[in-house]
Amino acid sequence: MATKKDRLKKFVTTGMSKVHILVVGDVMLDKYYYGEVTRISPEAPVPITRVVDTKDTMGGAANVAHNLALLGCQTSIAGFVGDDYHCQTLIDKFISRGIDYKGIIYREEPTTTKLRVIGGHQQMLRLDFEDTEPVKPLYANRLINYVEQTLENGLDAVVISDYGKGACTEDVCSSIIELCNNAEVPVFVDPKGREWDKYMNADFITPNVKEINAILEKPIKNRDESIQQAANYIMSKFKIKNVLATRSECGLSMVTPKQVTHIPTKSQEVFDVSGAGDTVIAVFALGIAGGLQPREAAYLANLAASVVVAKLGTYAVSKEELETVLMQQLQEEAK
């Protein structure tokens, strides 16, 4: 029988390209303006930033898809955008990464965009272009119909990436989960907010500690036993089959009905945790869909997140980076 080490190495080197995953949720564009600050404006008491570089990256559900595509996974994306310049930037990026974007639906509201101004390594300002009202039933039904058709054509997993920007309504989430359950395709949820009834019957959910505390009457501390108890409560109350809790400096906790695994974080300098949750659910879903055990998929997701948090801004881990960090970790464990 193949060992955990052998299964992980084989999956990362040859298994990821065989998997097809659909990401559904709040599609966003992340824009960055990098600059130098040398003086204060004479017009108002604010720093003047001389822009020296710019960067556009996929954010939200699009960042989950970006992670999957960079890892070699066959990736599809579904969500809502506006007919604007920010949308075209996203479409160009989908095309460049080979992401199937037939599930992108145009509506009147703007493409959700976060614009950040960075001075040195410090974020100085963020501007949000968005409309967070729940998506209208007409567009919601189009999205649900697309998911149904894509499931019929064959999928290995569906990821619901909820950023609270209006795409993941109760009707959208519950309909997608029911479709996935009927098709026997695992569905993974990255939650947001306090209304978790819409995630009922999902196969996996990946909350962080803040998101867990949002649904508890009494907040818990970031400790193994407390996280395990909270996960059991989530599985019981919302009929969610498994919980992968992301715990910042404490790593991950994989809780299933039969097993609990606490995975410590890989020690290193942390610059930015933005986007780390996207990487975790992408790699974890990819691992499960590719045949890994939950604890093995969580182990791999934790390693991938260690790469992302060492970068500034939204970042997607590549297949080569994941291979490298996996081999390094396995060598360290073998000593």
C-alpha atoms as a PDB file:
ATOM      1  CA  MET A   1       0.000   0.000   0.000  1.00  0.00           C
ATOM      2  CA  ALA A   2       1.296   3.462  -0.911  1.00  0.00           C
ATOM      3  CA  THR A   3       2.416   5.633   1.988  1.00  0.00           C
ATOM      4  CA  LYS A   4       1.127   9.143   2.676  1.00  0.00           C
ATOM      5  CA  LYS A   5       4.407  10.494   1.303  1.00  0.00           C
ATOM      6  CA  ASP A   6       4.043   8.530  -1.940  1.00  0.00           C
ATOM      7  CA  ARG A   7       0.385   9.538  -2.401  1.00  0.00           C
ATOM      8  CA  LEU A   8       1.147  13.225  -1.890  1.00  0.00           C
ATOM      9  CA  LYS A   9       4.134  13.225  -4.251  1.00  0.00           C
ATOM     10  CA  LYS A  10       2.222  11.394  -6.970  1.00  0.00           C
ATOM     11  CA  PHE A  11      -0.797  13.663  -6.643  1.00  0.00           C
ATOM     12  CA  VAL A  12       1.226  16.891  -6.811  1.00  0.00           C
ATOM     13  CA  THR A  13       3.369  15.748  -9.741  1.00  0.00           C
ATOM     14  CA  THR A  14       0.762  14.037 -11.941  1.00  0.00           C
ATOM     15  CA  GLY A  15      -2.686  13.982 -10.302  1.00  0.00           C
ATOM     16  CA  MET A  16      -3.838  17.596 -10.219  1.00  0.00           C
ATOM     17  CA  SER A  17      -4.276  17.991 -13.969  1.00  0.00           C
ATOM     18  CA  LYS A  18      -6.851  15.162 -14.039  1.00  0.00           C
ATOM     19  CA  VAL A  19      -9.336  17.040 -11.834  1.00  0.00           C
ATOM     20  CA  HIS A  20     -12.109  19.414 -13.020  1.00  0.00           C
ATOM     21  CA  ILE A  21     -13.477  21.884 -10.450  1.00  0.00           C
ATOM     22  CA  LEU A  22     -16.119  24.617 -10.759  1.00  0.00           C
ATOM     23  CA  VAL A  23     -15.789  27.692  -8.521  1.00  0.00           C
ATOM     24  CA  VAL A  24     -19.009  29.645  -7.858  1.00  0.00           C
ATOM     25  CA  GLY A  25     -19.303  32.851  -5.889  1.00  0.00           C
ATOM     26  CA  ASP A  26     -18.281  36.486  -5.499  1.00  0.00           C
ATOM     27  CA  VAL A  27     -15.946  37.221  -8.395  1.00  0.00           C
ATOM     28  CA  MET A  28     -13.631  40.182  -7.754  1.00  0.00           C
ATOM     29  CA  LEU A  29     -10.722  42.125  -9.175  1.00  0.00           C
ATOM     30  CA  ASP A  30      -7.896  43.208  -6.873  1.00  0.00           C
ATOM     31  CA  LYS A  31      -5.983  46.279  -8.060  1.00  0.00           C
ATOM     32  CA  TYR A  32      -2.743  47.427  -6.453  1.00  0.00           C
ATOM     33  CA  TYR A  33      -0.937  50.744  -6.772  1.00  0.00           C
ATOM     34  CA  TYR A  34       2.583  50.588  -5.334  1.00  0.00           C
ATOM     35  CA  GLY A  35       4.328  53.835  -4.519  1.00  0.00           C
ATOM     36  CA  GLU A  36       6.849  55.880  -2.592  1.00  0.00           C
ATOM     37  CA  VAL A  37       5.866  58.363   0.092  1.00  0.00           C
ATOM     38  CA  THR A  38       8.250  61.274   0.660  1.00  0.00           C
ATOM     39  CA  ARG A  39       6.062  64.176   1.746  1.00  0.00           C
ATOM     40  CA  ILE A  40       2.666  65.348   2.984  1.00  0.00           C
ATOM     41  CA  SER A  41       0.205  66.998   0.620  1.00  0.00           C
ATOM     42  CA  PRO A  42      -0.181  70.792   0.908  1.00  0.00           C
ATOM     43  CA  GLU A  43      -3.874  70.331   0.048  1.00  0.00           C
ATOM     44  CA  ALA A  44      -4.756  68.117   3.037  1.00  0.00           C
ATOM     45  CA  PRO A  45      -2.879  66.294   5.847  1.00  0.00           C
ATOM     46  CA  VAL A  46      -2.413  63.122   3.775  1.00  0.00           C
ATOM     47  CA  PRO A  47       0.719  61.478   2.349  1.00  0.00           C
ATOM     48  CA  ILE A  48       1.497  61.951  -1.334  1.00  0.00           C
ATOM     49  CA  THR A  49       2.191  58.616  -2.973  1.00  0.00           C
ATOM     50  CA  ARG A  50       4.208  58.591  -6.190  1.00  0.00           C
ATOM     51  CA  VAL A  51       3.033  55.495  -8.043  1.00  0.00           C
ATOM     52  CA  VAL A  52       5.936  53.391  -9.330  1.00  0.00           C
ATOM     53  CA  ASP A  53       4.128  50.151 -10.173  1.00  0.00           C
ATOM     54  CA  THR A  54       0.637  48.687 -10.599  1.00  0.00           C
ATOM     55  CA  LYS A  55      -0.773  45.165 -10.493  1.00  0.00           C
ATOM     56  CA  ASP A  56      -4.162  43.607 -11.221  1.00  0.00           C
ATOM     57  CA  THR A  57      -4.969  40.174  -9.764  1.00  0.00           C
ATOM     58  CA  MET A  58      -8.014  37.935  -9.504  1.00  0.00           C
ATOM     59  CA  GLY A  59      -9.777  38.220  -6.138  1.00  0.00           C
ATOM     60  CA  GLY A  60     -12.514  36.442  -4.191  1.00  0.00           C
ATOM     61  CA  ALA A  61     -13.922  33.445  -6.045  1.00  0.00           C
ATOM     62  CA  ALA A  62     -11.698  34.365  -8.987  1.00  0.00           C
ATOM     63  CA  ASN A  63      -8.630  33.962  -6.770  1.00  0.00           C
ATOM     64  CA  VAL A  64      -9.772  30.435  -5.827  1.00  0.00           C
ATOM     65  CA  ALA A  65     -10.023  29.665  -9.552  1.00  0.00           C
ATOM     66  CA  HIS A  66      -6.629  31.279 -10.123  1.00  0.00           C
ATOM     67  CA  ASN A  67      -5.037  28.997  -7.515  1.00  0.00           C
ATOM     68  CA  LEU A  68      -6.619  25.930  -9.100  1.00  0.00           C
ATOM     69  CA  ALA A  69      -5.559  26.909 -12.625  1.00  0.00           C
ATOM     70  CA  LEU A  70      -1.943  27.564 -11.588  1.00  0.00           C
ATOM     71  CA  LEU A  71      -1.863  24.097 -10.017  1.00  0.00           C
ATOM     72  CA  GLY A  72      -2.841  22.557 -13.345  1.00  0.00           C
ATOM     73  CA  CYS A  73      -6.466  21.786 -12.446  1.00  0.00           C
ATOM     74  CA  GLN A  74      -9.143  22.030 -15.133  1.00  0.00           C
ATOM     75  CA  THR A  75     -10.957  25.090 -13.798  1.00  0.00           C
ATOM     76  CA  SER A  76     -14.329  26.732 -14.465  1.00  0.00           C
ATOM     77  CA  ILE A  77     -15.645  29.925 -12.854  1.00  0.00           C
ATOM     78  CA  ALA A  78     -19.206  31.192 -12.362  1.00  0.00           C
ATOM     79  CA  GLY A  79     -20.380  34.466 -10.857  1.00  0.00           C
ATOM     80  CA  PHE A  80     -21.499  38.006 -11.637  1.00  0.00           C
ATOM     81  CA  VAL A  81     -19.766  41.017 -13.175  1.00  0.00           C
ATOM     82  CA  GLY A  82     -20.700  44.389 -14.609  1.00  0.00           C
ATOM     83  CA  ASP A  83     -20.132  45.421 -18.209  1.00  0.00           C
ATOM     84  CA  ASP A  84     -17.173  47.644 -17.358  1.00  0.00           C
ATOM     85  CA  TYR A  85     -13.407  48.030 -17.630  1.00  0.00           C
ATOM     86  CA  HIS A  86     -12.747  45.996 -14.476  1.00  0.00           C
ATOM     87  CA  CYS A  87     -14.711  43.095 -15.901  1.00  0.00           C
ATOM     88  CA  GLN A  88     -12.641  43.078 -19.116  1.00  0.00           C
ATOM     89  CA  THR A  89      -9.477  42.951 -17.028  1.00  0.00           C
ATOM     90  CA  LEU A  90     -10.829  39.863 -15.268  1.00  0.00           C
ATOM     91  CA  ILE A  91     -11.873  38.183 -18.523  1.00  0.00           C
ATOM     92  CA  ASP A  92      -8.388  38.753 -19.960  1.00  0.00           C
ATOM     93  CA  LYS A  93      -6.910  37.069 -16.899  1.00  0.00           C
ATOM     94  CA  PHE A  94      -9.296  34.115 -17.149  1.00  0.00           C
ATOM     95  CA  ILE A  95      -8.236  33.655 -20.766  1.00  0.00           C
ATOM     96  CA  SER A  96      -4.519  33.904 -19.951  1.00  0.00           C
ATOM     97  CA  ARG A  97      -4.834  31.204 -17.261  1.00  0.00           C
ATOM     98  CA  GLY A  98      -7.032  28.885 -19.308  1.00  0.00           C
ATOM     99  CA  ILE A  99     -10.015  29.276 -16.959  1.00  0.00           C
ATOM    100  CA  ASP A 100     -13.412  28.443 -18.491  1.00  0.00           C
ATOM    101  CA  TYR A 101     -15.524  31.557 -17.860  1.00  0.00           C
ATOM    102  CA  LYS A 102     -18.782  30.570 -19.595  1.00  0.00           C
ATOM    103  CA  GLY A 103     -20.424  30.817 -16.161  1.00  0.00           C
ATOM    104  CA  ILE A 104     -19.687  34.553 -15.873  1.00  0.00           C
ATOM    105  CA  ILE A 105     -23.002  36.448 -15.988  1.00  0.00           C
ATOM    106  CA  TYR A 106     -23.288  40.158 -16.795  1.00  0.00           C
ATOM    107  CA  ARG A 107     -25.662  42.374 -14.800  1.00  0.00           C
ATOM    108  CA  GLU A 108     -26.244  46.110 -14.226  1.00  0.00           C
ATOM    109  CA  GLU A 109     -24.180  46.393 -11.032  1.00  0.00           C
ATOM    110  CA  PRO A 110     -20.417  47.084 -11.186  1.00  0.00           C
ATOM    111  CA  THR A 111     -17.747  44.387 -11.147  1.00  0.00           C
ATOM    112  CA  THR A 112     -16.672  44.047  -7.512  1.00  0.00           C
ATOM    113  CA  THR A 113     -13.211  45.634  -7.320  1.00  0.00           C
ATOM    114  CA  LYS A 114     -10.852  46.412  -4.443  1.00  0.00           C
ATOM    115  CA  LEU A 115      -8.212  49.028  -5.136  1.00  0.00           C
ATOM    116  CA  ARG A 116      -5.315  49.229  -2.698  1.00  0.00           C
ATOM    117  CA  VAL A 117      -2.591  51.868  -2.406  1.00  0.00           C
ATOM    118  CA  ILE A 118       0.639  50.462  -0.969  1.00  0.00           C
ATOM    119  CA  GLY A 119       3.496  52.608   0.352  1.00  0.00           C
ATOM    120  CA  GLY A 120       6.528  50.398   0.906  1.00  0.00           C
ATOM    121  CA  HIS A 121       5.045  47.319   2.602  1.00  0.00           C
ATOM    122  CA  GLN A 122       2.220  49.291   4.219  1.00  0.00           C
ATOM    123  CA  GLN A 123      -1.328  49.450   2.885  1.00  0.00           C
ATOM    124  CA  MET A 124      -2.356  53.101   3.043  1.00  0.00           C
ATOM    125  CA  LEU A 125      -5.790  53.148   1.423  1.00  0.00           C
ATOM    126  CA  ARG A 126      -8.427  50.823  -0.032  1.00  0.00           C
ATOM    127  CA  LEU A 127     -11.244  51.802  -2.366  1.00  0.00           C
ATOM    128  CA  ASP A 128     -14.132  49.364  -2.941  1.00  0.00           C
ATOM    129  CA  PHE A 129     -16.271  49.412  -6.102  1.00  0.00           C
ATOM    130  CA  GLU A 130     -19.232  47.155  -5.353  1.00  0.00           C
ATOM    131  CA  ASP A 131     -22.951  46.592  -4.882  1.00  0.00           C
ATOM    132  CA  THR A 132     -23.547  44.031  -2.130  1.00  0.00           C
ATOM    133  CA  GLU A 133     -27.320  43.679  -2.516  1.00  0.00           C
ATOM    134  CA  PRO A 134     -28.430  40.051  -3.045  1.00  0.00           C
ATOM    135  CA  VAL A 135     -28.403  39.154  -6.720  1.00  0.00           C
ATOM    136  CA  LYS A 136     -31.796  39.414  -8.432  1.00  0.00           C
ATOM    137  CA  PRO A 137     -33.710  36.137  -8.968  1.00  0.00           C
ATOM    138  CA  LEU A 138     -33.359  36.412 -12.767  1.00  0.00           C
ATOM    139  CA  TYR A 139     -29.563  36.289 -12.542  1.00  0.00           C
ATOM    140  CA  ALA A 140     -29.550  33.793  -9.681  1.00  0.00           C
ATOM    141  CA  ASN A 141     -31.584  31.363 -11.787  1.00  0.00           C
ATOM    142  CA  ARG A 142     -29.158  31.743 -14.694  1.00  0.00           C
ATOM    143  CA  LEU A 143     -26.300  30.844 -12.378  1.00  0.00           C
ATOM    144  CA  ILE A 144     -28.107  27.809 -10.944  1.00  0.00           C
ATOM    145  CA  ASN A 145     -28.983  26.599 -14.441  1.00  0.00           C
ATOM    146  CA  TYR A 146     -25.355  26.920 -15.504  1.00  0.00           C
ATOM    147  CA  VAL A 147     -24.201  24.866 -12.516  1.00  0.00           C
ATOM    148  CA  GLU A 148     -26.787  22.190 -13.297  1.00  0.00           C
ATOM    149  CA  GLN A 149     -25.627  21.934 -16.912  1.00  0.00           C
ATOM    150  CA  THR A 150     -21.959  21.828 -15.921  1.00  0.00           C
ATOM    151  CA  LEU A 151     -22.615  19.043 -13.426  1.00  0.00           C
ATOM    152  CA  GLU A 152     -24.329  17.045 -16.161  1.00  0.00           C
ATOM    153  CA  ASN A 153     -21.214  17.422 -18.339  1.00  0.00           C
ATOM    154  CA  GLY A 154     -19.016  16.087 -15.536  1.00  0.00           C
ATOM    155  CA  LEU A 155     -17.307  17.690 -12.534  1.00  0.00           C
ATOM    156  CA  ASP A 156     -15.116  16.372  -9.717  1.00  0.00           C
ATOM    157  CA  ALA A 157     -16.000  19.120  -7.187  1.00  0.00           C
ATOM    158  CA  VAL A 158     -17.756  22.456  -6.735  1.00  0.00           C
ATOM    159  CA  VAL A 159     -16.428  25.268  -4.535  1.00  0.00           C
ATOM    160  CA  ILE A 160     -18.762  27.978  -3.219  1.00  0.00           C
ATOM    161  CA  SER A 161     -16.693  31.072  -2.394  1.00  0.00           C
ATOM    162  CA  ASP A 162     -18.888  33.439  -0.363  1.00  0.00           C
ATOM    163  CA  TYR A 163     -17.483  36.917   0.236  1.00  0.00           C
ATOM    164  CA  GLY A 164     -20.800  38.489   1.188  1.00  0.00           C
ATOM    165  CA  LYS A 165     -21.011  40.530  -2.022  1.00  0.00           C
ATOM    166  CA  GLY A 166     -24.450  39.317  -3.072  1.00  0.00           C
ATOM    167  CA  ALA A 167     -23.784  36.267  -5.248  1.00  0.00           C
ATOM    168  CA  CYS A 168     -24.207  33.565  -2.603  1.00  0.00           C
ATOM    169  CA  THR A 169     -27.851  34.003  -1.647  1.00  0.00           C
ATOM    170  CA  GLU A 170     -29.777  31.339   0.239  1.00  0.00           C
ATOM    171  CA  ASP A 171     -31.447  30.208  -2.976  1.00  0.00           C
ATOM    172  CA  VAL A 172     -28.153  30.031  -4.895  1.00  0.00           C
ATOM    173  CA  CYS A 173     -26.260  28.122  -2.202  1.00  0.00           C
ATOM    174  CA  SER A 174     -29.013  25.683  -1.242  1.00  0.00           C
ATOM    175  CA  SER A 175     -29.819  24.950  -4.899  1.00  0.00           C
ATOM    176  CA  ILE A 176     -26.180  24.304  -5.799  1.00  0.00           C
ATOM    177  CA  ILE A 177     -25.639  22.076  -2.759  1.00  0.00           C
ATOM    178  CA  GLU A 178     -28.766  20.063  -3.578  1.00  0.00           C
ATOM    179  CA  LEU A 179     -27.640  19.667  -7.207  1.00  0.00           C
ATOM    180  CA  CYS A 180     -24.192  18.519  -6.082  1.00  0.00           C
ATOM    181  CA  ASN A 181     -25.627  16.082  -3.533  1.00  0.00           C
ATOM    182  CA  ASN A 182     -27.888  14.560  -6.193  1.00  0.00           C
ATOM    183  CA  ALA A 183     -24.962  14.264  -8.611  1.00  0.00           C
ATOM    184  CA  GLU A 184     -22.713  12.829  -5.866  1.00  0.00           C
ATOM    185  CA  VAL A 185     -20.179  15.613  -6.465  1.00  0.00           C
ATOM    186  CA  PRO A 186     -18.528  17.007  -3.297  1.00  0.00           C
ATOM    187  CA  VAL A 187     -19.275  20.660  -2.554  1.00  0.00           C
ATOM    188  CA  PHE A 188     -16.906  22.851  -0.534  1.00  0.00           C
ATOM    189  CA  VAL A 189     -17.949  26.120   1.113  1.00  0.00           C
ATOM    190  CA  ASP A 190     -15.830  29.089   2.198  1.00  0.00           C
ATOM    191  CA  PRO A 191     -18.423  30.837   4.425  1.00  0.00           C
ATOM    192  CA  LYS A 192     -19.213  34.432   5.242  1.00  0.00           C
ATOM    193  CA  GLY A 193     -21.528  36.102   7.728  1.00  0.00           C
ATOM    194  CA  ARG A 194     -23.890  34.549  10.273  1.00  0.00           C
ATOM    195  CA  GLU A 195     -26.518  32.920   8.062  1.00  0.00           C
ATOM    196  CA  TRP A 196     -25.149  29.401   7.645  1.00  0.00           C
ATOM    197  CA  ASP A 197     -28.490  27.679   7.054  1.00  0.00           C
ATOM    198  CA  LYS A 198     -27.871  28.249   3.347  1.00  0.00           C
ATOM    199  CA  TYR A 199     -24.825  25.938   3.576  1.00  0.00           C
ATOM    200  CA  MET A 200     -26.772  22.990   5.003  1.00  0.00           C
ATOM    201  CA  ASN A 201     -25.812  19.557   3.655  1.00  0.00           C
ATOM    202  CA  ALA A 202     -22.483  20.723   2.204  1.00  0.00           C
ATOM    203  CA  ASP A 203     -19.706  18.148   2.249  1.00  0.00           C
ATOM    204  CA  PHE A 204     -16.973  20.459   3.566  1.00  0.00           C
ATOM    205  CA  ILE A 205     -16.806  23.958   5.046  1.00  0.00           C
ATOM    206  CA  THR A 206     -13.603  25.949   5.680  1.00  0.00           C
ATOM    207  CA  PRO A 207     -14.254  28.736   8.223  1.00  0.00           C
ATOM    208  CA  ASN A 208     -11.600  30.688  10.089  1.00  0.00           C
ATOM    209  CA  VAL A 209     -11.889  31.313  13.823  1.00  0.00           C
ATOM    210  CA  LYS A 210     -13.563  34.702  13.357  1.00  0.00           C
ATOM    211  CA  GLU A 211     -16.188  33.151  11.077  1.00  0.00           C
ATOM    212  CA  ILE A 212     -16.795  30.336  13.560  1.00  0.00           C
ATOM    213  CA  ASN A 213     -17.285  32.824  16.382  1.00  0.00           C
ATOM    214  CA  ALA A 214     -19.815  34.760  14.284  1.00  0.00           C
ATOM    215  CA  ILE A 215     -22.280  31.863  14.545  1.00  0.00           C
ATOM    216  CA  LEU A 216     -21.639  30.874  18.176  1.00  0.00           C
ATOM    217  CA  GLU A 217     -23.507  32.321  21.148  1.00  0.00           C
ATOM    218  CA  LYS A 218     -20.285  32.393  23.145  1.00  0.00           C
ATOM    219  CA  PRO A 219     -16.993  33.059  21.322  1.00  0.00           C
ATOM    220  CA  ILE A 220     -14.215  30.483  21.655  1.00  0.00           C
ATOM    221  CA  LYS A 221     -10.452  30.838  21.848  1.00  0.00           C
ATOM    222  CA  ASN A 222      -8.116  29.435  19.211  1.00  0.00           C
ATOM    223  CA  ARG A 223      -7.415  26.166  21.025  1.00  0.00           C
ATOM    224  CA  ASP A 224      -7.571  22.585  19.753  1.00  0.00           C
ATOM    225  CA  GLU A 225     -10.321  21.382  22.078  1.00  0.00           C
ATOM    226  CA  SER A 226     -12.515  24.460  21.568  1.00  0.00           C
ATOM    227  CA  ILE A 227     -12.165  24.284  17.788  1.00  0.00           C
ATOM    228  CA  GLN A 228     -13.068  20.587  17.813  1.00  0.00           C
ATOM    229  CA  GLN A 229     -16.195  21.232  19.893  1.00  0.00           C
ATOM    230  CA  ALA A 230     -17.232  24.093  17.614  1.00  0.00           C
ATOM    231  CA  ALA A 231     -16.713  21.926  14.530  1.00  0.00           C
ATOM    232  CA  ASN A 232     -18.905  19.191  15.984  1.00  0.00           C
ATOM    233  CA  TYR A 233     -21.581  21.801  16.694  1.00  0.00           C
ATOM    234  CA  ILE A 234     -21.372  23.036  13.076  1.00  0.00           C
ATOM    235  CA  MET A 235     -21.675  19.499  11.687  1.00  0.00           C
ATOM    236  CA  SER A 236     -24.672  18.786  13.896  1.00  0.00           C
ATOM    237  CA  LYS A 237     -26.569  22.078  13.521  1.00  0.00           C
ATOM    238  CA  PHE A 238     -26.048  22.596   9.787  1.00  0.00           C
ATOM    239  CA  LYS A 239     -25.755  18.950   8.690  1.00  0.00           C
ATOM    240  CA  ILE A 240     -22.365  19.723   7.171  1.00  0.00           C
ATOM    241  CA  LYS A 241     -20.364  16.519   6.861  1.00  0.00           C
ATOM    242  CA  ASN A 242     -16.826  17.808   7.596  1.00  0.00           C
ATOM    243  CA  VAL A 243     -15.138  20.968   8.889  1.00  0.00           C
ATOM    244  CA  LEU A 244     -11.687  22.295   8.015  1.00  0.00           C
ATOM    245  CA  ALA A 245     -11.004  25.179  10.416  1.00  0.00           C
ATOM    246  CA  THR A 246      -8.274  27.630   9.409  1.00  0.00           C
ATOM    247  CA  ARG A 247      -6.553  28.981  12.508  1.00  0.00           C
ATOM    248  CA  SER A 248      -3.878  31.497  11.432  1.00  0.00           C
ATOM    249  CA  GLU A 249      -0.697  30.900  13.442  1.00  0.00           C
ATOM    250  CA  CYS A 250      -2.190  27.700  14.910  1.00  0.00           C
ATOM    251  CA  GLY A 251      -2.495  26.002  11.514  1.00  0.00           C
ATOM    252  CA  LEU A 252      -5.520  23.935  10.481  1.00  0.00           C
ATOM    253  CA  SER A 253      -7.917  21.525  12.186  1.00  0.00           C
ATOM    254  CA  MET A 254      -9.559  18.808  10.078  1.00  0.00           C
ATOM    255  CA  VAL A 255     -12.659  17.485  11.826  1.00  0.00           C
ATOM    256  CA  THR A 256     -14.655  14.595  10.347  1.00  0.00           C
ATOM    257  CA  PRO A 257     -17.262  12.359  12.025  1.00  0.00           C
ATOM    258  CA  LYS A 258     -14.540   9.722  12.557  1.00  0.00           C
ATOM    259  CA  GLN A 259     -11.306  11.657  12.983  1.00  0.00           C
ATOM    260  CA  VAL A 260      -9.768  14.903  14.236  1.00  0.00           C
ATOM    261  CA  THR A 261      -6.402  16.096  12.924  1.00  0.00           C
ATOM    262  CA  HIS A 262      -4.658  19.270  14.084  1.00  0.00           C
ATOM    263  CA  ILE A 263      -1.988  20.431  11.633  1.00  0.00           C
ATOM    264  CA  PRO A 264       0.504  23.022  12.930  1.00  0.00           C
ATOM    265  CA  THR A 265       1.452  25.893  10.666  1.00  0.00           C
ATOM    266  CA  LYS A 266       4.758  25.839   8.842  1.00  0.00           C
ATOM    267  CA  SER A 267       6.989  28.275  10.761  1.00  0.00           C
ATOM    268  CA  GLN A 268       8.061  31.341   8.764  1.00  0.00           C
ATOM    269  CA  GLU A 269       7.803  35.109   8.513  1.00  0.00           C
ATOM    270  CA  VAL A 270       4.276  36.251   7.680  1.00  0.00           C
ATOM    271  CA  PHE A 271       3.706  39.326   5.508  1.00  0.00           C
ATOM    272  CA  ASP A 272       0.059  39.132   4.495  1.00  0.00           C
ATOM    273  CA  VAL A 273      -2.758  36.629   5.176  1.00  0.00           C
ATOM    274  CA  SER A 274      -5.054  38.062   2.472  1.00  0.00           C
ATOM    275  CA  GLY A 275      -5.991  35.333   0.024  1.00  0.00           C
ATOM    276  CA  ALA A 276      -4.692  32.504   2.221  1.00  0.00           C
ATOM    277  CA  GLY A 277      -8.228  31.182   2.753  1.00  0.00           C
ATOM    278  CA  ASP A 278      -8.716  31.049  -1.021  1.00  0.00           C
ATOM    279  CA  THR A 279      -5.573  28.951  -1.351  1.00  0.00           C
ATOM    280  CA  VAL A 280      -6.613  26.616   1.448  1.00  0.00           C
ATOM    281  CA  ILE A 281     -10.019  25.788  -0.028  1.00  0.00           C
ATOM    282  CA  ALA A 282      -8.585  25.503  -3.554  1.00  0.00           C
ATOM    283  CA  VAL A 283      -5.835  23.046  -2.618  1.00  0.00           C
ATOM    284  CA  PHE A 284      -8.034  21.157  -0.153  1.00  0.00           C
ATOM    285  CA  ALA A 285     -10.867  20.709  -2.677  1.00  0.00           C
ATOM    286  CA  LEU A 286      -8.359  19.705  -5.330  1.00  0.00           C
ATOM    287  CA  GLY A 287      -6.872  17.100  -3.000  1.00  0.00           C
ATOM    288  CA  ILE A 288     -10.225  15.586  -2.037  1.00  0.00           C
ATOM    289  CA  ALA A 289     -11.451  15.574  -5.651  1.00  0.00           C
ATOM    290  CA  GLY A 290      -8.172  13.914  -6.647  1.00  0.00           C
ATOM    291  CA  GLY A 291      -8.569  11.061  -4.178  1.00  0.00           C
ATOM    292  CA  LEU A 292      -6.558  12.171  -1.139  1.00  0.00           C
ATOM    293  CA  GLN A 293      -7.796  11.511   2.389  1.00  0.00           C
ATOM    294  CA  PRO A 294      -9.151  14.635   4.187  1.00  0.00           C
ATOM    295  CA  ARG A 295      -6.149  14.854   6.526  1.00  0.00           C
ATOM    296  CA  GLU A 296      -3.761  14.541   3.552  1.00  0.00           C
ATOM    297  CA  ALA A 297      -5.582  17.216   1.577  1.00  0.00           C
ATOM    298  CA  ALA A 298      -5.549  19.482   4.657  1.00  0.00           C
ATOM    299  CA  TYR A 299      -1.809  18.850   5.115  1.00  0.00           C
ATOM    300  CA  LEU A 300      -1.186  19.932   1.512  1.00  0.00           C
ATOM    301  CA  ALA A 301      -3.462  22.983   1.859  1.00  0.00           C
ATOM    302  CA  ASN A 302      -1.526  24.082   4.941  1.00  0.00           C
ATOM    303  CA  LEU A 303       1.760  23.919   3.034  1.00  0.00           C
ATOM    304  CA  ALA A 304       0.295  25.916   0.141  1.00  0.00           C
ATOM    305  CA  ALA A 305      -0.963  28.593   2.555  1.00  0.00           C
ATOM    306  CA  SER A 306       2.546  28.902   4.001  1.00  0.00           C
ATOM    307  CA  VAL A 307       3.747  30.047   0.583  1.00  0.00           C
ATOM    308  CA  VAL A 308       0.951  32.586   0.173  1.00  0.00           C
ATOM    309  CA  VAL A 309       1.256  34.338   3.545  1.00  0.00           C
ATOM    310  CA  ALA A 310       4.923  35.069   2.828  1.00  0.00           C
ATOM    311  CA  LYS A 311       3.862  37.259  -0.124  1.00  0.00           C
ATOM    312  CA  LEU A 312       2.430  40.760  -0.079  1.00  0.00           C
ATOM    313  CA  GLY A 313      -1.105  41.064  -1.456  1.00  0.00           C
ATOM    314  CA  THR A 314      -3.364  38.502  -3.098  1.00  0.00           C
ATOM    315  CA  TYR A 315      -1.220  35.637  -4.371  1.00  0.00           C
ATOM    316  CA  ALA A 316      -1.872  32.281  -6.024  1.00  0.00           C
ATOM    317  CA  VAL A 317       0.516  29.375  -5.456  1.00  0.00           C
ATOM    318  CA  SER A 318       1.882  27.570  -8.510  1.00  0.00           C
ATOM    319  CA  LYS A 319       2.327  23.842  -9.108  1.00  0.00           C
ATOM    320  CA  GLU A 320       6.111  24.268  -8.981  1.00  0.00           C
ATOM    321  CA  GLU A 321       5.975  26.145  -5.664  1.00  0.00           C
ATOM    322  CA  LEU A 322       3.702  23.504  -4.137  1.00  0.00           C
ATOM    323  CA  GLU A 323       6.014  20.708  -5.320  1.00  0.00           C
ATOM    324  CA  THR A 324       9.021  22.504  -3.841  1.00  0.00           C
ATOM    325  CA  VAL A 325       7.490  23.194  -0.424  1.00  0.00           C
ATOM    326  CA  LEU A 326       6.101  19.641  -0.228  1.00  0.00           C
ATOM    327  CA  MET A 327       9.480  18.044  -0.955  1.00  0.00           C
ATOM    328  CA  GLN A 328      11.182  20.325   1.575  1.00  0.00           C
ATOM    329  CA  GLN A 329       8.628  19.477   4.255  1.00  0.00           C
ATOM    330  CA  LEU A 330       8.828  15.734   3.604  1.00  0.00           C
ATOM    331  CA  GLN A 331      12.627  15.882   3.801  1.00  0.00           C
ATOM    332  CA  GLU A 332      12.445  17.778   7.120  1.00  0.00           C
ATOM    333  CA  GLU A 333      10.010  15.201   8.532  1.00  0.00           C
ATOM    334  CA  ALA A 334      12.287  12.349   7.426  1.00  0.00           C
ATOM    335  CA  LYS A 335      15.259  13.684   9.438  1.00  0.00           C
END
